[in-house]
Amino acid sequence: MYFRYTSSSSYKLPYVSEAGGTTSQINCIFALQKIFVYRHTFGSCRFTSADPGTQPVMINLPQTLEYRYILIPGLVSGGRFTSGAAAGYTVDQLKAMSYEDVRTLFNIPENGSREK
């Protein structure tokens, strides 16, 4: 999954940044037919009741962010794709690619529309 500000470069999730003297992360969780995108600060999020003293600090995501996710089916035994644009690549190799590299490999148009 990738995101970008309206006219900036694309960034792969998870994305860690410094803003206002605080380190925060934008990340996602995949569920059946859903993708949850969230942002939180480090050192102040609590995921279990065993963490005393701090409350979760979830940060609103700006409406100007644009998201793109890419689903790549067809993995075969041995860990490499055997056909299509991903032939010869492993899942880890595809996950490590930048959005621009994936877009080029799979011939995804820049504006997100499908070519006819």
PDB file of N, CA and C in Angstrom:
ATOM      1  N   MET A   1       0.851  -1.173   0.000  1.00  0.00           N
ATOM      2  CA  MET A   1       0.000   0.000   0.000  1.00  0.00           C
ATOM      3  C   MET A   1       0.890   1.227   0.000  1.00  0.00           C
ATOM      4  N   TYR A   2       0.458   2.243  -0.712  1.00  0.00           N
ATOM      5  CA  TYR A   2       1.213   3.476  -0.870  1.00  0.00           C
ATOM      6  C   TYR A   2       0.296   4.671  -0.604  1.00  0.00           C
ATOM      7  N   PHE A   3       0.897   5.820  -0.287  1.00  0.00           N
ATOM      8  CA  PHE A   3       0.128   7.050  -0.168  1.00  0.00           C
ATOM      9  C   PHE A   3       0.962   8.195  -0.701  1.00  0.00           C
ATOM     10  N   ARG A   4       0.292   9.304  -0.966  1.00  0.00           N
ATOM     11  CA  ARG A   4       0.996  10.530  -1.356  1.00  0.00           C
ATOM     12  C   ARG A   4       0.143  11.726  -0.977  1.00  0.00           C
ATOM     13  N   TYR A   5       0.840  12.856  -0.820  1.00  0.00           N
ATOM     14  CA  TYR A   5       0.141  14.126  -0.705  1.00  0.00           C
ATOM     15  C   TYR A   5      -0.276  14.482  -2.109  1.00  0.00           C
ATOM     16  N   THR A   6      -1.163  15.400  -2.298  1.00  0.00           N
ATOM     17  CA  THR A   6      -1.782  15.630  -3.599  1.00  0.00           C
ATOM     18  C   THR A   6      -0.810  15.732  -4.770  1.00  0.00           C
ATOM     19  N   SER A   7       0.356  16.295  -4.591  1.00  0.00           N
ATOM     20  CA  SER A   7       1.256  16.415  -5.739  1.00  0.00           C
ATOM     21  C   SER A   7       2.674  15.921  -5.444  1.00  0.00           C
ATOM     22  N   SER A   8       2.858  15.214  -4.346  1.00  0.00           N
ATOM     23  CA  SER A   8       4.200  14.777  -3.968  1.00  0.00           C
ATOM     24  C   SER A   8       4.495  13.378  -4.495  1.00  0.00           C
ATOM     25  N   SER A   9       5.661  12.876  -4.174  1.00  0.00           N
ATOM     26  CA  SER A   9       6.038  11.513  -4.512  1.00  0.00           C
ATOM     27  C   SER A   9       5.215  10.536  -3.687  1.00  0.00           C
ATOM     28  N   SER A  10       5.180   9.281  -4.117  1.00  0.00           N
ATOM     29  CA  SER A  10       4.468   8.244  -3.377  1.00  0.00           C
ATOM     30  C   SER A  10       5.382   7.627  -2.328  1.00  0.00           C
ATOM     31  N   TYR A  11       4.796   7.229  -1.204  1.00  0.00           N
ATOM     32  CA  TYR A  11       5.534   6.611  -0.106  1.00  0.00           C
ATOM     33  C   TYR A  11       4.886   5.279   0.245  1.00  0.00           C
ATOM     34  N   LYS A  12       5.723   4.298   0.565  1.00  0.00           N
ATOM     35  CA  LYS A  12       5.238   2.981   0.936  1.00  0.00           C
ATOM     36  C   LYS A  12       4.913   2.948   2.423  1.00  0.00           C
ATOM     37  N   LEU A  13       3.813   2.279   2.779  1.00  0.00           N
ATOM     38  CA  LEU A  13       3.470   2.089   4.183  1.00  0.00           C
ATOM     39  C   LEU A  13       4.161   0.852   4.727  1.00  0.00           C
ATOM     40  N   PRO A  14       4.598   0.840   5.974  1.00  0.00           N
ATOM     41  CA  PRO A  14       4.474   1.909   6.956  1.00  0.00           C
ATOM     42  C   PRO A  14       5.420   3.069   6.643  1.00  0.00           C
ATOM     43  N   TYR A  15       5.004   4.278   7.019  1.00  0.00           N
ATOM     44  CA  TYR A  15       5.767   5.495   6.779  1.00  0.00           C
ATOM     45  C   TYR A  15       5.963   6.200   8.115  1.00  0.00           C
ATOM     46  N   VAL A  16       7.220   6.459   8.466  1.00  0.00           N
ATOM     47  CA  VAL A  16       7.558   7.112   9.728  1.00  0.00           C
ATOM     48  C   VAL A  16       8.065   8.523   9.429  1.00  0.00           C
ATOM     49  N   SER A  17       7.598   9.503  10.211  1.00  0.00           N
ATOM     50  CA  SER A  17       8.033  10.881   9.997  1.00  0.00           C
ATOM     51  C   SER A  17       8.142  11.617  11.329  1.00  0.00           C
ATOM     52  N   GLU A  18       8.818  12.742  11.283  1.00  0.00           N
ATOM     53  CA  GLU A  18       8.943  13.652  12.429  1.00  0.00           C
ATOM     54  C   GLU A  18       8.105  14.881  12.123  1.00  0.00           C
ATOM     55  N   ALA A  19       7.198  15.216  13.014  1.00  0.00           N
ATOM     56  CA  ALA A  19       6.388  16.425  12.843  1.00  0.00           C
ATOM     57  C   ALA A  19       6.131  17.023  14.217  1.00  0.00           C
ATOM     58  N   GLY A  20       6.440  18.283  14.372  1.00  0.00           N
ATOM     59  CA  GLY A  20       6.211  18.956  15.646  1.00  0.00           C
ATOM     60  C   GLY A  20       6.990  18.361  16.793  1.00  0.00           C
ATOM     61  N   GLY A  21       8.179  17.800  16.503  1.00  0.00           N
ATOM     62  CA  GLY A  21       9.012  17.226  17.539  1.00  0.00           C
ATOM     63  C   GLY A  21       8.580  15.843  17.997  1.00  0.00           C
ATOM     64  N   THR A  22       7.630  15.233  17.286  1.00  0.00           N
ATOM     65  CA  THR A  22       7.132  13.910  17.648  1.00  0.00           C
ATOM     66  C   THR A  22       7.269  12.961  16.462  1.00  0.00           C
ATOM     67  N   THR A  23       7.713  11.742  16.746  1.00  0.00           N
ATOM     68  CA  THR A  23       7.798  10.729  15.707  1.00  0.00           C
ATOM     69  C   THR A  23       6.441  10.061  15.582  1.00  0.00           C
ATOM     70  N   SER A  24       5.930   9.991  14.360  1.00  0.00           N
ATOM     71  CA  SER A  24       4.655   9.320  14.144  1.00  0.00           C
ATOM     72  C   SER A  24       4.765   8.372  12.958  1.00  0.00           C
ATOM     73  N   GLN A  25       3.792   7.488  12.845  1.00  0.00           N
ATOM     74  CA  GLN A  25       3.799   6.492  11.787  1.00  0.00           C
ATOM     75  C   GLN A  25       2.406   6.393  11.169  1.00  0.00           C
ATOM     76  N   ILE A  26       2.373   6.307   9.831  1.00  0.00           N
ATOM     77  CA  ILE A  26       1.152   5.970   9.113  1.00  0.00           C
ATOM     78  C   ILE A  26       1.313   4.523   8.690  1.00  0.00           C
ATOM     79  N   ASN A  27       0.312   3.708   8.982  1.00  0.00           N
ATOM     80  CA  ASN A  27       0.390   2.291   8.659  1.00  0.00           C
ATOM     81  C   ASN A  27      -0.995   1.786   8.306  1.00  0.00           C
ATOM     82  N   CYS A  28      -1.097   0.513   7.982  1.00  0.00           N
ATOM     83  CA  CYS A  28      -2.390  -0.055   7.626  1.00  0.00           C
ATOM     84  C   CYS A  28      -2.517  -1.467   8.176  1.00  0.00           C
ATOM     85  N   ILE A  29      -3.750  -1.883   8.337  1.00  0.00           N
ATOM     86  CA  ILE A  29      -4.082  -3.231   8.740  1.00  0.00           C
ATOM     87  C   ILE A  29      -5.027  -3.783   7.685  1.00  0.00           C
ATOM     88  N   PHE A  30      -4.739  -4.978   7.196  1.00  0.00           N
ATOM     89  CA  PHE A  30      -5.576  -5.597   6.178  1.00  0.00           C
ATOM     90  C   PHE A  30      -6.567  -6.544   6.824  1.00  0.00           C
ATOM     91  N   ALA A  31      -7.820  -6.456   6.445  1.00  0.00           N
ATOM     92  CA  ALA A  31      -8.863  -7.368   6.903  1.00  0.00           C
ATOM     93  C   ALA A  31      -9.679  -7.769   5.673  1.00  0.00           C
ATOM     94  N   LEU A  32     -10.542  -8.740   5.826  1.00  0.00           N
ATOM     95  CA  LEU A  32     -11.340  -9.209   4.711  1.00  0.00           C
ATOM     96  C   LEU A  32     -12.148  -8.065   4.107  1.00  0.00           C
ATOM     97  N   GLN A  33     -11.868  -7.746   2.883  1.00  0.00           N
ATOM     98  CA  GLN A  33     -12.531  -6.691   2.113  1.00  0.00           C
ATOM     99  C   GLN A  33     -12.408  -5.298   2.722  1.00  0.00           C
ATOM    100  N   LYS A  34     -11.401  -5.090   3.577  1.00  0.00           N
ATOM    101  CA  LYS A  34     -11.195  -3.781   4.193  1.00  0.00           C
ATOM    102  C   LYS A  34      -9.708  -3.516   4.379  1.00  0.00           C
ATOM    103  N   ILE A  35      -9.360  -2.249   4.335  1.00  0.00           N
ATOM    104  CA  ILE A  35      -8.013  -1.807   4.685  1.00  0.00           C
ATOM    105  C   ILE A  35      -8.183  -0.644   5.654  1.00  0.00           C
ATOM    106  N   PHE A  36      -7.627  -0.781   6.847  1.00  0.00           N
ATOM    107  CA  PHE A  36      -7.682   0.272   7.855  1.00  0.00           C
ATOM    108  C   PHE A  36      -6.363   1.031   7.823  1.00  0.00           C
ATOM    109  N   VAL A  37      -6.429   2.338   7.590  1.00  0.00           N
ATOM    110  CA  VAL A  37      -5.239   3.188   7.582  1.00  0.00           C
ATOM    111  C   VAL A  37      -5.284   4.046   8.838  1.00  0.00           C
ATOM    112  N   TYR A  38      -4.166   4.106   9.562  1.00  0.00           N
ATOM    113  CA  TYR A  38      -4.128   4.857  10.807  1.00  0.00           C
ATOM    114  C   TYR A  38      -2.770   5.533  10.965  1.00  0.00           C
ATOM    115  N   ARG A  39      -2.749   6.520  11.857  1.00  0.00           N
ATOM    116  CA  ARG A  39      -1.515   7.249  12.187  1.00  0.00           C
ATOM    117  C   ARG A  39      -1.458   7.387  13.696  1.00  0.00           C
ATOM    118  N   HIS A  40      -0.284   7.157  14.260  1.00  0.00           N
ATOM    119  CA  HIS A  40      -0.131   7.292  15.707  1.00  0.00           C
ATOM    120  C   HIS A  40       1.263   7.795  16.032  1.00  0.00           C
ATOM    121  N   THR A  41       1.397   8.330  17.236  1.00  0.00           N
ATOM    122  CA  THR A  41       2.697   8.775  17.714  1.00  0.00           C
ATOM    123  C   THR A  41       3.387   7.620  18.418  1.00  0.00           C
ATOM    124  N   PHE A  42       4.709   7.628  18.418  1.00  0.00           N
ATOM    125  CA  PHE A  42       5.485   6.612  19.117  1.00  0.00           C
ATOM    126  C   PHE A  42       5.620   6.994  20.582  1.00  0.00           C
ATOM    127  N   GLY A  43       5.688   5.989  21.440  1.00  0.00           N
ATOM    128  CA  GLY A  43       5.920   6.224  22.855  1.00  0.00           C
ATOM    129  C   GLY A  43       4.687   6.622  23.627  1.00  0.00           C
ATOM    130  N   SER A  44       3.539   6.740  22.956  1.00  0.00           N
ATOM    131  CA  SER A  44       2.351   7.130  23.693  1.00  0.00           C
ATOM    132  C   SER A  44       1.138   6.282  23.332  1.00  0.00           C
ATOM    133  N   CYS A  45       1.323   5.237  22.543  1.00  0.00           N
ATOM    134  CA  CYS A  45       0.200   4.364  22.203  1.00  0.00           C
ATOM    135  C   CYS A  45       0.205   3.145  23.095  1.00  0.00           C
ATOM    136  N   ARG A  46      -0.957   2.745  23.534  1.00  0.00           N
ATOM    137  CA  ARG A  46      -1.095   1.588  24.399  1.00  0.00           C
ATOM    138  C   ARG A  46      -1.985   0.572  23.698  1.00  0.00           C
ATOM    139  N   PHE A  47      -1.475  -0.640  23.540  1.00  0.00           N
ATOM    140  CA  PHE A  47      -2.237  -1.674  22.867  1.00  0.00           C
ATOM    141  C   PHE A  47      -2.724  -2.742  23.834  1.00  0.00           C
ATOM    142  N   THR A  48      -2.241  -2.747  25.066  1.00  0.00           N
ATOM    143  CA  THR A  48      -2.717  -3.694  26.070  1.00  0.00           C
ATOM    144  C   THR A  48      -2.897  -2.954  27.384  1.00  0.00           C
ATOM    145  N   SER A  49      -3.703  -3.514  28.258  1.00  0.00           N
ATOM    146  CA  SER A  49      -3.924  -2.873  29.550  1.00  0.00           C
ATOM    147  C   SER A  49      -2.710  -2.986  30.454  1.00  0.00           C
ATOM    148  N   ALA A  50      -1.703  -3.758  30.036  1.00  0.00           N
ATOM    149  CA  ALA A  50      -0.492  -3.919  30.851  1.00  0.00           C
ATOM    150  C   ALA A  50       0.420  -2.697  30.769  1.00  0.00           C
ATOM    151  N   ASP A  51       0.189  -1.783  29.811  1.00  0.00           N
ATOM    152  CA  ASP A  51       1.006  -0.578  29.676  1.00  0.00           C
ATOM    153  C   ASP A  51       0.441   0.527  30.561  1.00  0.00           C
ATOM    154  N   PRO A  52       1.048   0.798  31.694  1.00  0.00           N
ATOM    155  CA  PRO A  52       0.507   1.832  32.576  1.00  0.00           C
ATOM    156  C   PRO A  52       0.957   3.231  32.166  1.00  0.00           C
ATOM    157  N   GLY A  53       0.141   4.219  32.490  1.00  0.00           N
ATOM    158  CA  GLY A  53       0.597   5.599  32.454  1.00  0.00           C
ATOM    159  C   GLY A  53       0.355   6.399  31.193  1.00  0.00           C
ATOM    160  N   THR A  54       0.090   5.783  30.060  1.00  0.00           N
ATOM    161  CA  THR A  54      -0.115   6.591  28.860  1.00  0.00           C
ATOM    162  C   THR A  54      -1.418   6.203  28.187  1.00  0.00           C
ATOM    163  N   GLN A  55      -1.978   7.132  27.492  1.00  0.00           N
ATOM    164  CA  GLN A  55      -3.192   6.897  26.718  1.00  0.00           C
ATOM    165  C   GLN A  55      -2.824   6.873  25.231  1.00  0.00           C
ATOM    166  N   PRO A  56      -3.564   6.151  24.436  1.00  0.00           N
ATOM    167  CA  PRO A  56      -3.283   6.145  22.996  1.00  0.00           C
ATOM    168  C   PRO A  56      -3.406   7.539  22.409  1.00  0.00           C
ATOM    169  N   VAL A  57      -2.527   7.857  21.492  1.00  0.00           N
ATOM    170  CA  VAL A  57      -2.604   9.132  20.792  1.00  0.00           C
ATOM    171  C   VAL A  57      -2.735   8.818  19.309  1.00  0.00           C
ATOM    172  N   MET A  58      -3.971   8.746  18.852  1.00  0.00           N
ATOM    173  CA  MET A  58      -4.223   8.543  17.439  1.00  0.00           C
ATOM    174  C   MET A  58      -4.392   9.915  16.804  1.00  0.00           C
ATOM    175  N   ILE A  59      -3.839  10.092  15.633  1.00  0.00           N
ATOM    176  CA  ILE A  59      -3.823  11.389  14.966  1.00  0.00           C
ATOM    177  C   ILE A  59      -4.691  11.312  13.723  1.00  0.00           C
ATOM    178  N   ASN A  60      -5.523  12.322  13.517  1.00  0.00           N
ATOM    179  CA  ASN A  60      -6.344  12.365  12.308  1.00  0.00           C
ATOM    180  C   ASN A  60      -5.461  12.452  11.075  1.00  0.00           C
ATOM    181  N   LEU A  61      -5.856  11.748  10.045  1.00  0.00           N
ATOM    182  CA  LEU A  61      -5.138  11.807   8.772  1.00  0.00           C
ATOM    183  C   LEU A  61      -5.736  12.912   7.910  1.00  0.00           C
ATOM    184  N   PRO A  62      -4.896  13.720   7.258  1.00  0.00           N
ATOM    185  CA  PRO A  62      -5.423  14.789   6.407  1.00  0.00           C
ATOM    186  C   PRO A  62      -6.242  14.226   5.244  1.00  0.00           C
ATOM    187  N   GLN A  63      -7.289  14.930   4.867  1.00  0.00           N
ATOM    188  CA  GLN A  63      -8.117  14.512   3.736  1.00  0.00           C
ATOM    189  C   GLN A  63      -7.386  14.653   2.403  1.00  0.00           C
ATOM    190  N   THR A  64      -6.249  15.343   2.402  1.00  0.00           N
ATOM    191  CA  THR A  64      -5.496  15.547   1.158  1.00  0.00           C
ATOM    192  C   THR A  64      -4.630  14.347   0.782  1.00  0.00           C
ATOM    193  N   LEU A  65      -4.531  13.342   1.652  1.00  0.00           N
ATOM    194  CA  LEU A  65      -3.740  12.158   1.317  1.00  0.00           C
ATOM    195  C   LEU A  65      -4.488  11.303   0.299  1.00  0.00           C
ATOM    196  N   GLU A  66      -3.736  10.742  -0.627  1.00  0.00           N
ATOM    197  CA  GLU A  66      -4.296   9.830  -1.619  1.00  0.00           C
ATOM    198  C   GLU A  66      -3.665   8.468  -1.400  1.00  0.00           C
ATOM    199  N   TYR A  67      -4.445   7.406  -1.518  1.00  0.00           N
ATOM    200  CA  TYR A  67      -3.961   6.051  -1.252  1.00  0.00           C
ATOM    201  C   TYR A  67      -4.069   5.195  -2.497  1.00  0.00           C
ATOM    202  N   ARG A  68      -3.160   4.255  -2.613  1.00  0.00           N
ATOM    203  CA  ARG A  68      -3.194   3.288  -3.710  1.00  0.00           C
ATOM    204  C   ARG A  68      -2.769   1.954  -3.145  1.00  0.00           C
ATOM    205  N   TYR A  69      -3.543   0.938  -3.386  1.00  0.00           N
ATOM    206  CA  TYR A  69      -3.153  -0.411  -2.988  1.00  0.00           C
ATOM    207  C   TYR A  69      -3.107  -1.279  -4.227  1.00  0.00           C
ATOM    208  N   ILE A  70      -2.241  -2.249  -4.201  1.00  0.00           N
ATOM    209  CA  ILE A  70      -2.048  -3.125  -5.339  1.00  0.00           C
ATOM    210  C   ILE A  70      -2.148  -4.558  -4.845  1.00  0.00           C
ATOM    211  N   LEU A  71      -3.062  -5.319  -5.431  1.00  0.00           N
ATOM    212  CA  LEU A  71      -3.234  -6.727  -5.107  1.00  0.00           C
ATOM    213  C   LEU A  71      -2.621  -7.546  -6.225  1.00  0.00           C
ATOM    214  N   ILE A  72      -1.739  -8.478  -5.869  1.00  0.00           N
ATOM    215  CA  ILE A  72      -1.042  -9.288  -6.866  1.00  0.00           C
ATOM    216  C   ILE A  72      -1.306 -10.755  -6.559  1.00  0.00           C
ATOM    217  N   PRO A  73      -2.224 -11.395  -7.294  1.00  0.00           N
ATOM    218  CA  PRO A  73      -2.506 -12.811  -7.068  1.00  0.00           C
ATOM    219  C   PRO A  73      -1.550 -13.704  -7.851  1.00  0.00           C
ATOM    220  N   GLY A  74      -1.577 -15.001  -7.555  1.00  0.00           N
ATOM    221  CA  GLY A  74      -0.902 -15.952  -8.421  1.00  0.00           C
ATOM    222  C   GLY A  74       0.407 -16.519  -7.934  1.00  0.00           C
ATOM    223  N   LEU A  75       0.684 -16.518  -6.641  1.00  0.00           N
ATOM    224  CA  LEU A  75       1.917 -17.099  -6.139  1.00  0.00           C
ATOM    225  C   LEU A  75       1.869 -18.612  -6.277  1.00  0.00           C
ATOM    226  N   VAL A  76       2.971 -19.186  -6.670  1.00  0.00           N
ATOM    227  CA  VAL A  76       3.048 -20.637  -6.800  1.00  0.00           C
ATOM    228  C   VAL A  76       4.095 -21.179  -5.848  1.00  0.00           C
ATOM    229  N   SER A  77       4.097 -22.488  -5.669  1.00  0.00           N
ATOM    230  CA  SER A  77       5.078 -23.132  -4.808  1.00  0.00           C
ATOM    231  C   SER A  77       6.485 -22.767  -5.260  1.00  0.00           C
ATOM    232  N   GLY A  78       7.354 -22.497  -4.333  1.00  0.00           N
ATOM    233  CA  GLY A  78       8.716 -22.099  -4.668  1.00  0.00           C
ATOM    234  C   GLY A  78       8.936 -20.618  -4.450  1.00  0.00           C
ATOM    235  N   GLY A  79       7.844 -19.862  -4.290  1.00  0.00           N
ATOM    236  CA  GLY A  79       7.968 -18.466  -3.906  1.00  0.00           C
ATOM    237  C   GLY A  79       8.141 -17.459  -5.018  1.00  0.00           C
ATOM    238  N   ARG A  80       8.122 -17.881  -6.281  1.00  0.00           N
ATOM    239  CA  ARG A  80       8.250 -16.931  -7.392  1.00  0.00           C
ATOM    240  C   ARG A  80       7.037 -17.041  -8.303  1.00  0.00           C
ATOM    241  N   PHE A  81       6.648 -15.908  -8.860  1.00  0.00           N
ATOM    242  CA  PHE A  81       5.565 -15.905  -9.827  1.00  0.00           C
ATOM    243  C   PHE A  81       6.069 -16.531 -11.121  1.00  0.00           C
ATOM    244  N   THR A  82       5.193 -17.241 -11.818  1.00  0.00           N
ATOM    245  CA  THR A  82       5.622 -17.940 -13.029  1.00  0.00           C
ATOM    246  C   THR A  82       5.065 -17.345 -14.310  1.00  0.00           C
ATOM    247  N   SER A  83       4.134 -16.403 -14.189  1.00  0.00           N
ATOM    248  CA  SER A  83       3.580 -15.806 -15.405  1.00  0.00           C
ATOM    249  C   SER A  83       3.206 -14.358 -15.136  1.00  0.00           C
ATOM    250  N   GLY A  84       2.880 -13.668 -16.198  1.00  0.00           N
ATOM    251  CA  GLY A  84       2.472 -12.271 -16.091  1.00  0.00           C
ATOM    252  C   GLY A  84       3.648 -11.350 -15.835  1.00  0.00           C
ATOM    253  N   ALA A  85       3.323 -10.107 -15.535  1.00  0.00           N
ATOM    254  CA  ALA A  85       4.356  -9.083 -15.343  1.00  0.00           C
ATOM    255  C   ALA A  85       5.277  -9.385 -14.172  1.00  0.00           C
ATOM    256  N   ALA A  86       4.801 -10.146 -13.187  1.00  0.00           N
ATOM    257  CA  ALA A  86       5.604 -10.441 -11.996  1.00  0.00           C
ATOM    258  C   ALA A  86       6.440 -11.706 -12.139  1.00  0.00           C
ATOM    259  N   ALA A  87       6.427 -12.332 -13.308  1.00  0.00           N
ATOM    260  CA  ALA A  87       7.171 -13.586 -13.509  1.00  0.00           C
ATOM    261  C   ALA A  87       8.624 -13.421 -13.089  1.00  0.00           C
ATOM    262  N   GLY A  88       9.083 -14.340 -12.235  1.00  0.00           N
ATOM    263  CA  GLY A  88      10.462 -14.331 -11.774  1.00  0.00           C
ATOM    264  C   GLY A  88      10.701 -13.568 -10.483  1.00  0.00           C
ATOM    265  N   TYR A  89       9.714 -12.788 -10.032  1.00  0.00           N
ATOM    266  CA  TYR A  89       9.849 -12.013  -8.796  1.00  0.00           C
ATOM    267  C   TYR A  89       9.259 -12.784  -7.617  1.00  0.00           C
ATOM    268  N   THR A  90       9.807 -12.558  -6.429  1.00  0.00           N
ATOM    269  CA  THR A  90       9.222 -13.100  -5.207  1.00  0.00           C
ATOM    270  C   THR A  90       8.291 -12.045  -4.603  1.00  0.00           C
ATOM    271  N   VAL A  91       7.465 -12.468  -3.658  1.00  0.00           N
ATOM    272  CA  VAL A  91       6.582 -11.535  -2.965  1.00  0.00           C
ATOM    273  C   VAL A  91       7.407 -10.468  -2.254  1.00  0.00           C
ATOM    274  N   ASP A  92       8.493 -10.877  -1.593  1.00  0.00           N
ATOM    275  CA  ASP A  92       9.340  -9.909  -0.885  1.00  0.00           C
ATOM    276  C   ASP A  92       9.948  -8.889  -1.841  1.00  0.00           C
ATOM    277  N   GLN A  93      10.345  -9.324  -3.027  1.00  0.00           N
ATOM    278  CA  GLN A  93      10.895  -8.383  -4.004  1.00  0.00           C
ATOM    279  C   GLN A  93       9.842  -7.377  -4.435  1.00  0.00           C
ATOM    280  N   LEU A  94       8.613  -7.832  -4.649  1.00  0.00           N
ATOM    281  CA  LEU A  94       7.538  -6.915  -5.045  1.00  0.00           C
ATOM    282  C   LEU A  94       7.200  -5.952  -3.912  1.00  0.00           C
ATOM    283  N   LYS A  95       7.169  -6.437  -2.678  1.00  0.00           N
ATOM    284  CA  LYS A  95       6.871  -5.574  -1.530  1.00  0.00           C
ATOM    285  C   LYS A  95       7.937  -4.508  -1.325  1.00  0.00           C
ATOM    286  N   ALA A  96       9.173  -4.799  -1.713  1.00  0.00           N
ATOM    287  CA  ALA A  96      10.269  -3.850  -1.526  1.00  0.00           C
ATOM    288  C   ALA A  96      10.299  -2.766  -2.597  1.00  0.00           C
ATOM    289  N   MET A  97       9.532  -2.926  -3.661  1.00  0.00           N
ATOM    290  CA  MET A  97       9.550  -1.959  -4.764  1.00  0.00           C
ATOM    291  C   MET A  97       8.825  -0.673  -4.386  1.00  0.00           C
ATOM    292  N   SER A  98       9.284   0.415  -4.962  1.00  0.00           N
ATOM    293  CA  SER A  98       8.583   1.690  -4.805  1.00  0.00           C
ATOM    294  C   SER A  98       7.298   1.632  -5.628  1.00  0.00           C
ATOM    295  N   TYR A  99       6.390   2.565  -5.344  1.00  0.00           N
ATOM    296  CA  TYR A  99       5.148   2.615  -6.111  1.00  0.00           C
ATOM    297  C   TYR A  99       5.445   2.814  -7.593  1.00  0.00           C
ATOM    298  N   GLU A 100       6.387   3.680  -7.916  1.00  0.00           N
ATOM    299  CA  GLU A 100       6.718   3.931  -9.317  1.00  0.00           C
ATOM    300  C   GLU A 100       7.216   2.670 -10.006  1.00  0.00           C
ATOM    301  N   ASP A 101       8.042   1.864  -9.318  1.00  0.00           N
ATOM    302  CA  ASP A 101       8.532   0.613  -9.896  1.00  0.00           C
ATOM    303  C   ASP A 101       7.388  -0.370 -10.148  1.00  0.00           C
ATOM    304  N   VAL A 102       6.467  -0.494  -9.180  1.00  0.00           N
ATOM    305  CA  VAL A 102       5.318  -1.395  -9.337  1.00  0.00           C
ATOM    306  C   VAL A 102       4.411  -0.897 -10.460  1.00  0.00           C
ATOM    307  N   ARG A 103       4.186   0.407 -10.485  1.00  0.00           N
ATOM    308  CA  ARG A 103       3.341   0.997 -11.534  1.00  0.00           C
ATOM    309  C   ARG A 103       3.906   0.712 -12.915  1.00  0.00           C
ATOM    310  N   THR A 104       5.206   0.849 -13.066  1.00  0.00           N
ATOM    311  CA  THR A 104       5.857   0.583 -14.346  1.00  0.00           C
ATOM    312  C   THR A 104       5.791  -0.903 -14.696  1.00  0.00           C
ATOM    313  N   LEU A 105       6.106  -1.766 -13.746  1.00  0.00           N
ATOM    314  CA  LEU A 105       6.108  -3.211 -13.987  1.00  0.00           C
ATOM    315  C   LEU A 105       4.741  -3.706 -14.436  1.00  0.00           C
ATOM    316  N   PHE A 106       3.675  -3.232 -13.796  1.00  0.00           N
ATOM    317  CA  PHE A 106       2.330  -3.703 -14.103  1.00  0.00           C
ATOM    318  C   PHE A 106       1.571  -2.782 -15.057  1.00  0.00           C
ATOM    319  N   ASN A 107       2.256  -1.798 -15.608  1.00  0.00           N
ATOM    320  CA  ASN A 107       1.665  -0.882 -16.589  1.00  0.00           C
ATOM    321  C   ASN A 107       0.398  -0.213 -16.045  1.00  0.00           C
ATOM    322  N   ILE A 108       0.494   0.309 -14.807  1.00  0.00           N
ATOM    323  CA  ILE A 108      -0.630   1.005 -14.185  1.00  0.00           C
ATOM    324  C   ILE A 108      -0.563   2.463 -14.609  1.00  0.00           C
ATOM    325  N   PRO A 109      -1.646   2.989 -15.207  1.00  0.00           N
ATOM    326  CA  PRO A 109      -1.628   4.396 -15.650  1.00  0.00           C
ATOM    327  C   PRO A 109      -1.403   5.338 -14.467  1.00  0.00           C
ATOM    328  N   GLU A 110      -0.786   6.468 -14.713  1.00  0.00           N
ATOM    329  CA  GLU A 110      -0.465   7.445 -13.681  1.00  0.00           C
ATOM    330  C   GLU A 110      -1.709   7.954 -12.969  1.00  0.00           C
ATOM    331  N   ASN A 111      -2.773   8.210 -13.685  1.00  0.00           N
ATOM    332  CA  ASN A 111      -3.947   8.792 -13.058  1.00  0.00           C
ATOM    333  C   ASN A 111      -4.858   7.766 -12.401  1.00  0.00           C
ATOM    334  N   GLY A 112      -4.500   6.479 -12.458  1.00  0.00           N
ATOM    335  CA  GLY A 112      -5.270   5.447 -11.792  1.00  0.00           C
ATOM    336  C   GLY A 112      -6.407   4.883 -12.615  1.00  0.00           C
ATOM    337  N   SER A 113      -6.674   5.454 -13.794  1.00  0.00           N
ATOM    338  CA  SER A 113      -7.748   4.913 -14.622  1.00  0.00           C
ATOM    339  C   SER A 113      -7.261   3.689 -15.391  1.00  0.00           C
ATOM    340  N   ARG A 114      -8.190   2.865 -15.797  1.00  0.00           N
ATOM    341  CA  ARG A 114      -7.827   1.668 -16.558  1.00  0.00           C
ATOM    342  C   ARG A 114      -7.713   2.009 -18.028  1.00  0.00           C
ATOM    343  N   GLU A 115      -6.687   1.468 -18.657  1.00  0.00           N
ATOM    344  CA  GLU A 115      -6.561   1.643 -20.103  1.00  0.00           C
ATOM    345  C   GLU A 115      -7.490   0.669 -20.783  1.00  0.00           C
ATOM    346  N   LYS A 116      -8.042   1.078 -21.922  1.00  0.00           N
ATOM    347  CA  LYS A 116      -8.946   0.190 -22.664  1.00  0.00           C
ATOM    348  C   LYS A 116      -8.223  -0.441 -23.829  1.00  0.00           C
TER     349      LYS A 116
END
